[in-house]
N, C-alpha and C. Protein backbone atom coordinates (compact mmCIF):
# COMPACT_ATOMS: atom_id res chain seq x y z
N MET A 1 65.58 30.55 31.96
CA MET A 1 65.91 31.96 32.05
C MET A 1 66.69 32.22 33.34
N ALA A 2 67.32 33.36 33.38
CA ALA A 2 68.14 33.72 34.53
C ALA A 2 67.32 34.33 35.66
N ASN A 3 66.04 34.60 35.42
CA ASN A 3 65.16 35.18 36.43
C ASN A 3 65.70 36.51 36.95
N LEU A 4 66.12 37.39 36.05
CA LEU A 4 66.62 38.70 36.41
C LEU A 4 65.49 39.71 36.42
N ALA A 5 65.60 40.70 37.28
CA ALA A 5 64.56 41.71 37.41
C ALA A 5 64.67 42.77 36.33
N GLN A 6 63.53 43.23 35.87
CA GLN A 6 63.47 44.34 34.95
C GLN A 6 63.07 45.55 35.77
N VAL A 7 63.83 46.63 35.70
CA VAL A 7 63.69 47.73 36.64
C VAL A 7 62.32 48.41 36.58
N ILE A 8 61.74 48.59 35.42
CA ILE A 8 60.46 49.30 35.33
C ILE A 8 59.31 48.41 35.81
N ALA A 9 59.19 47.22 35.25
CA ALA A 9 58.08 46.33 35.60
C ALA A 9 58.17 45.86 37.05
N GLY A 10 59.34 45.48 37.49
CA GLY A 10 59.50 44.98 38.85
C GLY A 10 59.37 46.05 39.90
N SER A 11 59.62 47.27 39.52
CA SER A 11 59.56 48.37 40.47
C SER A 11 58.18 48.55 41.06
N THR A 12 57.14 48.29 40.28
CA THR A 12 55.79 48.45 40.81
C THR A 12 55.53 47.47 41.94
N GLU A 13 56.00 46.24 41.79
CA GLU A 13 55.79 45.24 42.84
C GLU A 13 56.54 45.59 44.12
N VAL A 14 57.80 45.97 43.97
CA VAL A 14 58.63 46.26 45.14
C VAL A 14 58.21 47.59 45.77
N ALA A 15 57.80 48.56 44.97
CA ALA A 15 57.31 49.83 45.52
C ALA A 15 56.05 49.59 46.34
N PHE A 16 55.17 48.73 45.85
CA PHE A 16 53.98 48.39 46.62
C PHE A 16 54.35 47.75 47.95
N ALA A 17 55.34 46.86 47.90
CA ALA A 17 55.80 46.23 49.14
C ALA A 17 56.35 47.27 50.12
N ALA A 18 57.03 48.29 49.60
CA ALA A 18 57.54 49.35 50.46
C ALA A 18 56.40 50.21 51.01
N ILE A 19 55.40 50.46 50.19
CA ILE A 19 54.26 51.27 50.64
C ILE A 19 53.51 50.59 51.78
N VAL A 20 53.30 49.28 51.66
CA VAL A 20 52.57 48.56 52.72
C VAL A 20 53.45 48.17 53.88
N GLY A 21 54.75 48.42 53.79
CA GLY A 21 55.65 48.17 54.91
C GLY A 21 56.29 46.79 54.92
N ALA A 22 56.14 46.02 53.86
CA ALA A 22 56.76 44.69 53.81
C ALA A 22 58.27 44.79 53.68
N VAL A 23 58.76 45.83 53.02
CA VAL A 23 60.20 46.11 52.93
C VAL A 23 60.40 47.59 53.23
N THR A 24 61.61 47.94 53.60
CA THR A 24 61.90 49.36 53.87
C THR A 24 62.21 50.07 52.55
N TRP A 25 62.11 51.39 52.58
CA TRP A 25 62.41 52.17 51.38
C TRP A 25 63.89 52.05 51.00
N SER A 26 64.76 51.90 51.99
CA SER A 26 66.18 51.74 51.67
C SER A 26 66.44 50.37 51.03
N GLU A 27 65.73 49.33 51.48
CA GLU A 27 65.83 48.02 50.82
C GLU A 27 65.33 48.09 49.38
N TYR A 28 64.28 48.87 49.18
CA TYR A 28 63.72 49.06 47.84
C TYR A 28 64.74 49.74 46.93
N ALA A 29 65.37 50.81 47.43
CA ALA A 29 66.31 51.57 46.60
C ALA A 29 67.62 50.82 46.39
N VAL A 30 68.23 50.36 47.48
CA VAL A 30 69.56 49.75 47.39
C VAL A 30 69.48 48.27 47.02
N GLY A 31 68.46 47.58 47.46
CA GLY A 31 68.36 46.15 47.22
C GLY A 31 67.68 45.78 45.92
N PHE A 32 66.91 46.73 45.34
CA PHE A 32 66.22 46.40 44.09
C PHE A 32 66.54 47.39 42.97
N ILE A 33 66.25 48.66 43.17
CA ILE A 33 66.39 49.64 42.09
C ILE A 33 67.82 49.71 41.59
N LEU A 34 68.78 49.88 42.47
CA LEU A 34 70.18 50.04 42.05
C LEU A 34 70.70 48.82 41.30
N PRO A 35 70.59 47.60 41.83
CA PRO A 35 71.10 46.45 41.07
C PRO A 35 70.34 46.21 39.76
N ALA A 36 69.01 46.37 39.78
CA ALA A 36 68.23 46.14 38.56
C ALA A 36 68.56 47.20 37.50
N LEU A 37 68.71 48.44 37.92
CA LEU A 37 69.05 49.51 36.98
C LEU A 37 70.42 49.29 36.37
N LEU A 38 71.40 48.97 37.20
CA LEU A 38 72.74 48.71 36.68
C LEU A 38 72.75 47.50 35.74
N GLY A 39 72.05 46.45 36.10
CA GLY A 39 71.96 45.28 35.24
C GLY A 39 71.28 45.58 33.92
N ASN A 40 70.22 46.38 33.96
CA ASN A 40 69.52 46.76 32.73
C ASN A 40 70.40 47.63 31.84
N ILE A 41 71.17 48.53 32.44
CA ILE A 41 72.07 49.38 31.66
C ILE A 41 73.15 48.54 30.99
N ILE A 42 73.80 47.68 31.77
CA ILE A 42 74.87 46.83 31.22
C ILE A 42 74.31 45.90 30.13
N GLY A 43 73.19 45.27 30.41
CA GLY A 43 72.58 44.37 29.43
C GLY A 43 72.15 45.09 28.17
N GLY A 44 71.58 46.27 28.32
CA GLY A 44 71.14 47.06 27.16
C GLY A 44 72.31 47.50 26.30
N VAL A 45 73.38 47.95 26.94
CA VAL A 45 74.57 48.37 26.18
C VAL A 45 75.16 47.17 25.44
N MET A 46 75.23 46.03 26.10
CA MET A 46 75.78 44.84 25.43
C MET A 46 74.90 44.40 24.27
N PHE A 47 73.58 44.44 24.44
CA PHE A 47 72.65 44.05 23.39
C PHE A 47 72.80 44.95 22.16
N VAL A 48 72.84 46.26 22.39
CA VAL A 48 72.99 47.21 21.28
C VAL A 48 74.36 47.05 20.63
N ALA A 49 75.39 46.82 21.41
CA ALA A 49 76.73 46.63 20.85
C ALA A 49 76.78 45.40 19.95
N VAL A 50 76.16 44.31 20.37
CA VAL A 50 76.14 43.09 19.55
C VAL A 50 75.35 43.33 18.26
N LEU A 51 74.21 43.99 18.36
CA LEU A 51 73.43 44.28 17.15
C LEU A 51 74.20 45.18 16.20
N ASN A 52 74.83 46.22 16.72
CA ASN A 52 75.60 47.13 15.87
C ASN A 52 76.80 46.42 15.25
N HIS A 53 77.46 45.58 16.00
CA HIS A 53 78.60 44.84 15.48
C HIS A 53 78.16 43.90 14.35
N ALA A 54 77.04 43.22 14.54
CA ALA A 54 76.53 42.31 13.51
C ALA A 54 76.18 43.09 12.24
N HIS A 55 75.62 44.27 12.41
CA HIS A 55 75.25 45.10 11.26
C HIS A 55 76.50 45.54 10.49
N VAL A 56 77.51 45.98 11.20
CA VAL A 56 78.75 46.45 10.56
C VAL A 56 79.50 45.26 9.95
N GLU A 57 79.50 44.13 10.63
CA GLU A 57 80.20 42.94 10.14
C GLU A 57 79.61 42.48 8.80
N GLN A 58 78.29 42.57 8.65
CA GLN A 58 77.65 42.18 7.39
C GLN A 58 78.08 43.08 6.24
N GLU A 59 78.30 44.36 6.51
CA GLU A 59 78.70 45.30 5.47
C GLU A 59 80.13 45.10 5.02
N LEU A 60 80.98 44.58 5.91
CA LEU A 60 82.38 44.36 5.55
C LEU A 60 82.49 43.10 4.77
């Protein structure tokens, strides 16, 4: 696997790290939430596009 972060599940771990002071809140937001959210959005759009394309391709 590519070992990519999932924004919802991984957020609990990194938020806890920010709460206890292991990372700063800006590191949490910019270093984890933003990249994970963007990656999840891009991956989700691509996944749905491939599924929709396969569905339409079968009908043609």
